[in-house]
Protein backbone atom coordinates (compact mmCIF):
# COMPACT_ATOMS: atom_id res chain seq x y z
CA MET A 1 123.79 60.02 224.84
CA ASP A 2 126.18 62.45 222.56
CA HIS A 3 126.08 65.85 222.49
CA SER A 4 124.06 66.23 219.35
CA ASN A 5 121.28 64.00 220.47
CA ARG A 6 120.94 66.34 223.88
CA VAL A 7 120.72 69.22 221.57
CA ALA A 8 117.82 67.31 219.72
CA ASN A 9 115.95 66.28 222.59
CA ARG A 10 116.01 69.97 224.54
CA TYR A 11 114.32 71.41 221.07
CA ARG A 12 111.61 68.99 221.15
CA LEU A 13 109.11 72.22 221.93
CA PHE A 14 108.71 72.91 218.28
CA LEU A 15 105.78 70.71 218.06
CA VAL A 16 102.28 71.17 216.38
CA PRO A 17 99.36 69.26 216.34
CA ALA A 18 99.44 66.51 213.69
CA ARG A 19 103.30 66.68 213.01
CA ARG A 20 106.54 67.68 214.15
CA ILE A 21 109.32 70.68 213.29
CA ARG A 22 112.37 69.34 212.91
CA ILE A 23 115.41 70.96 213.80
CA LYS A 24 118.48 70.05 211.64
CA VAL A 25 121.55 69.68 213.87
CA VAL A 26 124.83 71.08 212.41
CA LYS A 27 128.20 69.85 213.68
CA ARG A 28 129.95 73.32 214.06
CA SER A 29 128.96 74.60 216.97
CA TRP A 30 128.67 78.50 215.80
CA TRP A 31 126.06 77.44 212.94
CA ARG A 32 124.33 75.33 215.21
CA ARG A 33 123.70 78.33 217.62
CA VAL A 34 122.32 80.68 214.32
CA TYR A 35 120.71 77.90 212.78
CA LEU A 36 118.47 77.47 215.85
CA ALA A 37 118.15 81.25 216.61
CA LEU A 38 116.43 81.93 213.24
CA CYS A 39 114.22 78.89 213.80
CA MET A 40 113.01 80.48 217.13
CA ALA A 41 112.62 84.01 215.28
CA ALA A 42 110.50 82.43 212.84
CA LEU A 43 107.99 80.55 214.63
CA PRO A 44 105.73 83.81 216.20
CA LEU A 45 105.73 84.90 212.46
CA LEU A 46 104.23 81.38 211.03
CA MET A 47 101.91 81.15 213.90
CA ILE A 48 100.82 84.65 212.79
CA VAL A 49 100.46 83.71 209.21
CA CYS A 50 98.28 80.99 210.40
CA VAL A 51 96.04 82.65 212.41
CA VAL A 52 95.71 84.91 209.62
CA GLY A 53 94.56 82.49 206.94
CA ASP A 54 92.36 81.09 209.02
CA ALA A 55 90.53 84.16 210.01
CA GLU A 56 86.96 84.41 208.72
CA PRO A 57 86.50 88.17 206.47
CA GLN A 58 84.18 90.14 208.56
CA THR A 59 81.73 92.19 205.96
CA PRO A 60 80.32 95.38 208.09
CA GLU A 61 76.64 95.45 208.70
CA PRO A 62 74.46 98.13 206.61
CA TYR A 63 74.23 101.28 208.56
CA LYS A 64 71.07 100.58 210.76
CA ILE A 65 69.93 102.87 213.74
CA LYS A 66 67.91 100.41 216.70
CA VAL A 67 66.49 102.62 219.03
CA ASP A 68 63.29 102.81 221.17
CA VAL A 69 60.53 103.56 219.43
CA ASN A 70 59.99 107.11 220.75
CA LEU A 71 62.99 108.31 218.53
CA VAL A 72 62.16 110.66 215.85
CA VAL A 73 63.91 110.63 213.21
CA LEU A 74 64.29 113.25 210.91
CA ASN A 75 66.52 113.31 207.17
CA ALA A 76 67.50 117.07 206.51
CA THR A 77 69.19 118.40 204.09
CA VAL A 78 70.76 121.82 203.97
CA SER A 79 71.77 124.02 201.18
CA ASP A 80 73.78 127.08 201.18
CA PRO A 81 73.27 130.29 199.47
CA ALA A 82 74.86 128.66 196.50
CA GLY A 83 72.95 125.62 196.27
CA GLY A 84 75.56 123.46 197.59
CA PHE A 85 75.28 121.00 200.31
CA PRO A 86 77.44 121.71 203.53
CA SER A 87 78.77 118.65 204.66
CA ASP A 88 80.71 119.72 207.34
CA LEU A 89 78.54 121.37 210.45
CA ARG A 90 78.30 120.08 213.24
CA GLU A 91 75.68 118.91 215.55
CA GLN A 92 75.88 122.28 218.08
CA GLU A 93 74.96 124.25 214.72
CA PHE A 94 71.74 122.39 214.10
CA ALA A 95 68.19 123.30 216.43
CA VAL A 96 65.16 121.08 216.57
CA TYR A 97 61.73 122.31 217.34
CA GLU A 98 58.44 120.40 217.77
CA ASP A 99 55.32 122.48 218.28
CA GLY A 100 57.90 125.28 218.92
CA VAL A 101 59.62 124.13 222.06
CA ARG A 102 63.34 123.30 221.89
CA GLN A 103 64.20 119.28 221.37
CA THR A 104 67.49 117.75 222.51
CA ILE A 105 69.40 115.91 219.55
CA ARG A 106 70.54 112.59 220.84
CA VAL A 107 70.87 110.80 217.67
CA PHE A 108 73.33 113.12 215.06
CA ARG A 109 75.23 111.67 211.45
CA HIS A 110 76.06 112.63 208.34
CA GLU A 111 76.86 109.79 205.87
CA ASP A 112 76.09 108.25 202.80
CA THR A 113 73.36 106.28 204.14
CA PRO A 114 71.94 103.27 201.53
CA VAL A 115 68.33 103.88 200.95
CA THR A 116 65.29 102.17 199.44
CA VAL A 117 64.20 103.95 196.45
CA GLY A 118 60.97 103.61 194.96
CA LEU A 119 60.53 105.14 191.20
CA VAL A 120 56.61 105.85 190.57
CA VAL A 121 56.38 106.62 186.86
CA ASP A 122 53.07 108.09 184.81
CA HIS A 123 52.22 106.06 181.89
CA SER A 124 48.62 107.62 181.26
CA GLY A 125 48.26 108.93 177.90
CA SER A 126 49.32 112.32 178.58
CA MET A 127 52.95 110.89 179.00
CA ARG A 128 53.16 108.88 175.76
CA LYS A 129 55.83 111.38 173.99
CA ARG A 130 57.57 111.69 177.28
CA ILE A 131 58.43 108.61 178.51
CA PRO A 132 62.05 108.22 176.57
CA GLU A 133 63.57 110.87 178.89
CA VAL A 134 62.32 109.96 182.19
CA VAL A 135 63.98 106.47 180.96
CA ALA A 136 66.98 108.75 180.52
CA ALA A 137 66.54 110.16 183.98
CA ALA A 138 65.70 106.93 185.55
CA ARG A 139 69.32 106.00 184.17
CA THR A 140 71.24 109.24 185.58
CA PHE A 141 69.39 108.71 188.61
CA VAL A 142 70.85 104.96 189.35
CA ARG A 143 74.13 105.86 188.78
CA ALA A 144 74.22 108.97 190.75
CA SER A 145 72.54 107.10 193.24
CA SER A 146 74.87 104.97 195.97
CA PRO A 147 75.47 101.11 194.80
CA SER A 148 74.62 100.46 197.64
CA ASP A 149 70.52 101.40 197.61
CA GLU A 150 68.00 98.88 196.64
CA MET A 151 65.30 100.64 194.22
CA PHE A 152 61.80 99.32 192.35
CA VAL A 153 59.61 100.55 190.03
CA VAL A 154 56.23 101.33 189.89
CA ASN A 155 54.64 102.53 186.75
CA PHE A 156 50.79 103.50 186.42
CA ASN A 157 47.64 104.61 184.33
CA GLU A 158 44.36 103.67 185.53
CA LYS A 159 46.29 100.88 186.75
CA VAL A 160 49.36 100.01 188.59
CA TYR A 161 51.77 97.46 187.46
CA PHE A 162 55.57 96.93 189.48
CA GLY A 163 57.93 97.32 186.70
CA LEU A 164 59.94 94.10 188.06
CA PRO A 165 59.18 90.71 188.57
CA ALA A 166 58.03 89.23 192.35
CA ALA A 167 60.68 86.95 192.40
CA ALA A 168 63.24 89.82 192.22
CA PRO A 169 61.62 93.01 193.52
CA PHE A 170 64.57 95.27 194.37
CA SER A 171 67.41 96.44 191.65
CA ASN A 172 70.52 98.80 191.74
CA ARG A 173 71.32 98.02 187.97
CA PRO A 174 70.41 100.97 185.49
CA ASP A 175 69.35 99.16 182.23
CA GLU A 176 67.26 96.72 184.40
CA LEU A 177 65.21 99.47 186.04
CA ALA A 178 65.31 101.80 183.14
CA ASN A 179 63.60 98.47 180.94
CA ALA A 180 61.48 97.89 184.08
CA ILE A 181 59.91 101.87 183.37
CA SER A 182 59.84 101.28 179.19
CA ASN A 183 58.47 98.02 179.24
CA THR A 184 54.82 99.18 180.59
CA PRO A 185 52.04 100.49 177.62
CA VAL A 186 51.51 104.38 177.98
CA THR A 187 47.50 104.74 177.71
CA GLY A 188 44.49 105.44 179.34
CA GLU A 189 43.88 107.68 182.69
CA THR A 190 45.59 108.40 185.85
CA ALA A 191 45.60 106.64 189.02
CA LEU A 192 48.49 108.30 190.94
CA TYR A 193 47.09 108.20 194.61
CA ASP A 194 46.63 104.61 194.18
CA ALA A 195 50.04 104.66 192.90
CA ILE A 196 51.39 106.07 195.63
CA PHE A 197 49.58 103.67 198.31
CA GLN A 198 51.25 100.53 196.45
CA ALA A 199 54.61 101.89 196.29
CA ARG A 200 54.77 103.12 200.04
CA GLU A 201 53.37 99.38 200.64
CA ARG A 202 56.41 97.97 198.73
CA LEU A 203 58.69 100.58 200.49
CA LEU A 204 57.91 98.53 204.04
CA THR A 205 59.11 95.59 202.34
CA GLY A 206 62.69 96.77 201.67
CA HIS A 207 66.01 95.94 203.67
CA LEU A 208 67.06 99.44 204.34
CA ASP A 209 65.80 102.03 207.17
CA LYS A 210 65.98 105.17 204.75
CA LYS A 211 63.32 105.33 202.41
CA VAL A 212 62.22 107.61 199.70
CA LEU A 213 59.64 107.98 196.76
CA VAL A 214 60.82 109.79 193.21
CA VAL A 215 56.98 110.59 191.84
CA ILE A 216 57.39 111.51 187.98
CA SER A 217 53.96 112.89 187.52
CA ASP A 218 51.26 115.39 185.69
CA GLY A 219 50.00 115.79 189.32
CA SER A 220 46.17 114.75 187.88
CA ASP A 221 44.65 112.16 189.49
CA ASN A 222 41.33 110.63 187.93
CA ALA A 223 41.43 106.70 188.45
CA SER A 224 42.40 106.23 191.85
CA LYS A 225 40.05 104.63 194.85
CA HIS A 226 42.08 106.59 197.30
CA THR A 227 42.37 109.85 197.78
CA LEU A 228 44.76 112.68 198.61
CA VAL A 229 43.51 113.41 202.07
CA GLU A 230 44.17 109.18 202.53
CA ILE A 231 48.14 109.90 201.49
CA LEU A 232 48.69 112.76 203.17
CA GLU A 233 47.22 111.14 205.96
CA MET A 234 49.80 108.14 205.66
CA ALA A 235 52.87 110.16 205.10
CA ARG A 236 52.48 111.61 208.16
CA HIS A 237 52.81 108.59 210.32
CA SER A 238 55.83 107.63 207.68
CA ASN A 239 59.74 108.54 207.46
CA ALA A 240 59.67 108.06 203.78
CA ALA A 241 60.32 111.54 202.04
CA LEU A 242 58.84 112.27 198.42
CA TYR A 243 60.11 113.73 195.70
CA THR A 244 58.04 114.94 192.72
CA ILE A 245 58.62 115.67 188.97
CA GLY A 246 56.07 117.59 187.11
CA ILE A 247 56.05 117.00 183.62
CA PHE A 248 53.10 118.54 181.40
CA GLY A 249 52.70 121.33 178.89
CA ASP A 250 50.53 124.60 178.56
CA GLU A 251 48.07 121.92 176.75
CA ASP A 252 47.49 119.75 179.80
CA HIS A 253 44.28 121.02 181.50
CA ASP A 254 44.40 117.93 184.17
CA LYS A 255 47.73 119.20 185.61
CA ASN A 256 48.20 119.73 188.97
CA PRO A 257 51.22 121.09 190.48
CA ALA A 258 49.28 122.01 193.46
CA VAL A 259 49.22 118.29 194.42
CA LEU A 260 52.64 117.67 193.83
CA LYS A 261 54.35 120.65 195.98
CA ARG A 262 51.53 119.20 198.94
CA LEU A 263 52.98 115.71 198.89
CA SER A 264 56.28 116.88 198.89
CA LEU A 265 56.40 119.53 201.35
CA ALA A 266 54.49 117.28 203.83
CA THR A 267 56.96 114.39 203.75
CA GLY A 268 60.70 116.19 203.36
CA GLY A 269 61.52 116.14 199.57
CA GLU A 270 60.65 118.73 196.86
CA ALA A 271 59.15 119.32 193.68
CA PHE A 272 60.33 120.27 190.53
CA PHE A 273 59.38 121.28 187.73
CA PRO A 274 61.62 121.53 184.65
CA ARG A 275 60.71 124.15 181.81
CA GLU A 276 61.97 121.71 179.25
CA LEU A 277 61.77 118.29 179.09
CA LYS A 278 65.22 117.47 179.18
CA ASP A 279 66.08 119.12 182.09
CA VAL A 280 64.32 115.85 183.57
CA VAL A 281 67.93 114.10 183.53
CA THR A 282 69.61 116.84 185.39
CA ILE A 283 66.93 116.87 187.71
CA CYS A 284 66.74 113.36 188.63
CA GLU A 285 70.75 113.72 189.22
CA ARG A 286 70.43 116.44 191.87
CA ILE A 287 67.49 114.55 193.91
CA ALA A 288 70.49 111.44 193.75
CA GLN A 289 72.83 114.00 195.37
CA ASP A 290 70.60 115.46 197.85
CA ILE A 291 69.40 111.92 198.78
CA ARG A 292 73.14 111.42 199.63
CA HIS A 293 73.75 114.77 201.70
CA GLN A 294 71.55 114.65 204.63
CA TYR A 295 72.23 114.81 208.18
CA THR A 296 70.24 112.28 210.05
CA ILE A 297 68.75 114.17 213.50
CA GLY A 298 66.59 111.87 215.93
CA TYR A 299 65.45 113.16 219.41
CA VAL A 300 62.76 112.08 222.22
CA SER A 301 60.03 114.92 222.27
CA ASN A 302 59.91 116.72 225.37
CA ASN A 303 56.88 118.66 224.40
CA PRO A 304 54.74 119.40 227.00
CA ARG A 305 52.06 120.39 224.66
CA ALA A 306 51.64 117.74 222.26
CA LYS A 307 48.64 115.47 222.87
CA PRO A 308 48.40 111.66 222.07
CA GLY A 309 47.58 110.92 218.76
CA ALA A 310 47.85 114.54 217.30
CA PHE A 311 50.22 116.07 214.80
CA ARG A 312 53.16 117.54 215.85
CA VAL A 313 54.88 120.28 213.69
CA VAL A 314 59.05 120.13 213.16
CA ARG A 315 61.24 122.74 212.35
CA VAL A 316 64.71 122.47 212.04
CA ALA A 317 67.48 125.40 211.56
CA ALA A 318 70.87 125.71 211.07
CA ALA A 319 73.38 128.31 211.33
CA SER A 320 76.97 128.45 210.89
CA PRO A 321 79.57 131.10 210.89
CA GLY A 322 80.68 132.62 207.30
CA ARG A 323 78.25 130.33 205.68
CA GLY A 324 75.32 133.06 205.29
CA LYS A 325 71.43 131.58 205.51
CA LEU A 326 71.24 127.55 205.28
CA VAL A 327 68.39 126.52 204.12
CA VAL A 328 67.29 123.68 206.35
CA ARG A 329 64.50 120.69 204.59
CA THR A 330 62.79 117.94 206.42
CA ARG A 331 59.45 115.98 206.70
CA ASN A 332 57.10 119.28 208.47
CA GLY A 333 55.72 117.01 211.33
CA TYR A 334 54.37 113.63 212.33
CA ILE A 335 52.23 111.53 214.48
CA PRO A 336 53.71 109.53 216.56
CA ALA A 337 53.49 105.59 216.63
CA PRO A 338 51.98 104.01 219.56
CA GLU A 339 54.07 103.03 222.45
CA LEU A 340 55.79 99.55 222.32
CA ALA A 341 55.15 97.46 225.88
CA PRO A 342 58.48 97.91 228.00
CA GLY A 343 61.53 95.92 227.13
CA LYS A 344 60.67 96.20 223.19
CA ASP A 345 62.29 98.80 220.46
CA SER A 346 62.04 99.35 216.78
CA ASP A 347 63.98 98.64 213.76
CA SER A 348 62.35 100.73 211.31
CA LEU A 349 62.54 103.99 211.25
């Protein structure tokens, strides 16, 4: 066997499944050494390219907390004296109290968490001249929200209507959601409590843990089967925040801003009462920013005063040097869920 054949046999290690990489043997010895060295140097790079090319792209999973059912989760909005949202507060700058008893924080996050949002819009006769501004405000709200949010529309007069088709009950497209609001006739009486009840049921079918309702109404109700007491009791068992926008004029004798305030206070939302109709657009934009700047705080209750099945009052405070007085808004309490059997956990908070 001549020298060239011996060299070729020596480098038969360059084999891959299904085919052979052949090495051309050059007559002059120094060119042969350079050629073989370059081939051996390139082989690892080729292997890396193959591995990367075959790898499946990894899609990040949506934000989700999977915890024991005893974890109490609060979505807290913090505002400073200038009306801004401080975004860099630390866990140790928060204090959580349940029935006046200090709690230990187990979960602390500040992220732009995707949310399931229900837009609940009054279509009773008193809203006829106001719907165009409401539609414009809804477009603004969707544009200012996270692209990862999912939203639905509930329209109501004396009846309750879902604005999107049953086959596609959620959307994050401004035009689609605006059309879902504007396509319902504006007439009749007001079933506010029934609308909130059905909106809450639709919230439970959402795919995201964080849940919010935005209610636009004058606060009156003269056609519901459900009562305010039932809706407030439902709120105590839910982690969904309820923001309300009261739209009414001096001539609206059925207006009830107190109801809108109670619903927001109980759930950690906020009630807004624009002085002018055009302010609804700005308010919807602020609500979207409010939702996106919240802190998520979780704790397991160590409250010795708590009674099974009883309502527990929650308060969250925050203080940071040089920030002035910080105001924290979250739900004002909760009724604990029944305990699960050992080894089970909850995916929905």
